[in-house]
Amino acid sequence: MNNEFHFAPNQCRPGAGAYCGGQPTDEQIAAFAREGGECVINLRPLAEQAGWDEAAAVKAHGMTYVHIPVANPDDLTRDAAAKLAQATQQHDVSRMLIHCASGQRVGALVALKAGWIDGQSVDEAIATGREAGLDRLEPVVRAKLQAG
């Protein structure tokens, strides 16, 4: 896949991993599919998706759509991290686009998956999350990881 193409606002690409960022447009989803994208993971809750059926758009382009709603820090749970882990195990992570509205929740959930599921230390998981866009939610994520 083309590392130079932007499939989402605030896009980042941790290592050779998934494309992470904010809400993509229909055009960006189509471009992601053309570039070999396989799976789009949307962390935005339904209340944030008024007027557009992203699942239908993703599926129309032949990709898998996964919805893991994360409305606020309370939704950053072990269950959500496990669902992200399951999706990354089922698809080539380098052909995956994970997004929320801005990318903040993506970085947070990636960090929690790294700590809770992948067994990284708190500092390692935070670093992994930063590569995926973690910023403002870092104190919340650190506290959750430290609590176990």
Protein backbone atom coordinates (compact mmCIF):
# COMPACT_ATOMS: atom_id res chain seq x y z
CA MET A 1 0.00 0.00 0.00
CA ASN A 2 1.08 3.54 -0.67
CA ASN A 3 2.39 5.08 2.54
CA GLU A 4 2.12 8.56 1.04
CA PHE A 5 -1.63 8.49 0.43
CA HIS A 6 -3.83 9.90 3.15
CA PHE A 7 -6.83 7.72 3.87
CA ALA A 8 -7.99 9.69 6.92
CA PRO A 9 -7.51 13.06 8.65
CA ASN A 10 -4.68 13.12 11.22
CA GLN A 11 -3.41 9.90 9.68
CA CYS A 12 -0.52 8.08 11.25
CA ARG A 13 0.94 4.71 10.50
CA PRO A 14 2.55 3.01 13.48
CA GLY A 15 5.45 1.00 12.12
CA ALA A 16 4.22 -1.20 9.31
CA GLY A 17 0.89 -1.44 11.07
CA ALA A 18 -2.57 -0.13 10.41
CA TYR A 19 -3.46 3.26 9.07
CA CYS A 20 -4.92 5.20 12.01
CA GLY A 21 -6.71 8.53 12.14
CA GLY A 22 -9.91 10.47 12.01
CA GLN A 23 -13.12 9.98 10.07
CA PRO A 24 -12.43 9.16 6.42
CA THR A 25 -14.64 10.42 3.62
CA ASP A 26 -16.36 8.10 1.17
CA GLU A 27 -13.68 9.04 -1.37
CA GLN A 28 -10.92 8.11 1.08
CA ILE A 29 -12.59 4.77 1.80
CA ALA A 30 -12.80 4.09 -1.94
CA ALA A 31 -9.11 5.01 -2.34
CA PHE A 32 -8.18 2.77 0.58
CA ALA A 33 -9.97 -0.13 -1.14
CA ARG A 34 -8.23 0.61 -4.46
CA GLU A 35 -4.86 0.60 -2.68
CA GLY A 36 -5.51 -2.87 -1.25
CA GLY A 37 -7.35 -2.08 1.97
CA GLU A 38 -9.10 -5.06 3.53
CA CYS A 39 -10.74 -3.85 6.73
CA VAL A 40 -12.06 -0.61 8.20
CA ILE A 41 -12.57 -0.42 11.96
CA ASN A 42 -14.79 2.42 13.12
CA LEU A 43 -14.66 3.44 16.78
CA ARG A 44 -17.31 6.15 16.45
CA PRO A 45 -20.63 5.38 18.18
CA LEU A 46 -23.79 5.49 16.08
CA ALA A 47 -24.75 8.85 17.60
CA GLU A 48 -21.72 10.39 15.83
CA GLN A 49 -22.57 8.94 12.42
CA ALA A 50 -25.71 10.82 11.48
CA GLY A 51 -26.57 10.79 7.80
CA TRP A 52 -24.01 8.30 6.45
CA ASP A 53 -23.95 4.52 6.41
CA GLU A 54 -20.22 3.86 6.63
CA ALA A 55 -20.74 0.11 6.95
CA ALA A 56 -22.52 0.03 3.58
CA ALA A 57 -19.82 2.19 1.99
CA VAL A 58 -17.03 -0.05 3.24
CA LYS A 59 -18.82 -3.24 2.20
CA ALA A 60 -19.64 -1.76 -1.23
CA HIS A 61 -15.90 -1.52 -1.82
CA GLY A 62 -15.41 -5.19 -0.90
CA MET A 63 -13.85 -4.63 2.50
CA THR A 64 -14.76 -5.87 5.96
CA TYR A 65 -16.37 -3.38 8.34
CA VAL A 66 -15.89 -3.69 12.11
CA HIS A 67 -17.68 -1.39 14.55
CA ILE A 68 -16.28 -1.02 18.07
CA PRO A 69 -18.15 1.97 19.57
CA VAL A 70 -16.01 4.10 21.90
CA ALA A 71 -17.99 7.21 22.84
CA ASN A 72 -15.91 8.24 25.84
CA PRO A 73 -13.16 6.99 28.18
CA ASP A 74 -15.63 4.68 29.94
CA ASP A 75 -15.89 2.72 26.68
CA LEU A 76 -12.14 2.06 26.62
CA THR A 77 -12.59 -1.41 28.09
CA ARG A 78 -10.94 -4.80 27.99
CA ASP A 79 -13.83 -5.98 25.80
CA ALA A 80 -13.18 -3.21 23.26
CA ALA A 81 -9.44 -4.02 23.29
CA ALA A 82 -10.24 -7.71 22.77
CA LYS A 83 -12.48 -6.87 19.79
CA LEU A 84 -9.65 -4.82 18.27
CA ALA A 85 -7.26 -7.73 18.85
CA GLN A 86 -9.68 -10.13 17.19
CA ALA A 87 -9.99 -7.90 14.12
CA THR A 88 -6.21 -7.49 13.84
CA GLN A 89 -5.78 -11.26 14.04
CA GLN A 90 -8.30 -11.84 11.24
CA HIS A 91 -6.87 -9.30 8.79
CA ASP A 92 -3.49 -8.15 7.54
CA VAL A 93 -2.91 -5.23 9.90
CA SER A 94 -1.03 -3.30 7.17
CA ARG A 95 -4.25 -3.31 5.12
CA MET A 96 -6.42 -2.02 7.95
CA LEU A 97 -7.78 1.46 8.62
CA ILE A 98 -8.77 2.19 12.23
CA HIS A 99 -10.53 5.49 12.86
CA CYS A 100 -12.67 7.58 15.16
CA ALA A 101 -13.51 11.25 14.66
CA SER A 102 -10.01 12.65 15.17
CA GLY A 103 -7.75 9.68 15.94
CA GLN A 104 -7.52 10.12 19.72
CA ARG A 105 -9.67 7.14 20.64
CA VAL A 106 -7.75 5.01 18.14
CA GLY A 107 -4.44 5.67 19.86
CA ALA A 108 -6.04 5.01 23.24
CA LEU A 109 -7.55 1.67 22.23
CA VAL A 110 -4.36 0.59 20.45
CA ALA A 111 -2.40 1.31 23.65
CA LEU A 112 -4.86 -0.65 25.79
CA LYS A 113 -4.72 -3.60 23.39
CA ALA A 114 -0.92 -3.45 23.51
CA GLY A 115 -0.93 -3.56 27.31
CA TRP A 116 -3.87 -5.78 28.16
CA ILE A 117 -3.82 -8.21 25.24
CA ASP A 118 -0.27 -8.14 23.85
CA GLY A 119 1.43 -8.02 27.26
CA GLN A 120 3.46 -4.86 26.77
CA SER A 121 4.56 -2.92 29.84
CA VAL A 122 2.69 0.28 30.64
CA ASP A 123 5.43 2.44 29.10
CA GLU A 124 5.69 0.24 26.01
CA ALA A 125 1.93 0.27 25.54
CA ILE A 126 1.82 4.06 25.89
CA ALA A 127 4.57 4.36 23.26
CA THR A 128 2.62 2.04 20.94
CA GLY A 129 -0.49 4.16 21.49
CA ARG A 130 1.41 7.38 20.75
CA GLU A 131 2.50 5.93 17.40
CA ALA A 132 -1.20 5.36 16.67
CA GLY A 133 -2.26 8.89 17.68
CA LEU A 134 -2.57 8.78 21.47
CA ASP A 135 -2.30 12.27 22.93
CA ARG A 136 -4.99 13.85 25.15
CA LEU A 137 -6.25 10.53 26.47
CA GLU A 138 -2.83 9.38 27.64
CA PRO A 139 -3.48 10.02 31.38
CA VAL A 140 -6.71 7.99 31.21
CA VAL A 141 -5.01 5.16 29.34
CA ARG A 142 -2.02 5.12 31.68
CA ALA A 143 -4.34 4.90 34.69
CA LYS A 144 -6.30 2.04 33.14
CA LEU A 145 -3.12 0.14 32.31
CA GLN A 146 -1.66 0.69 35.76
CA ALA A 147 -4.88 -0.53 37.36
CA GLY A 148 -4.50 -3.74 35.39
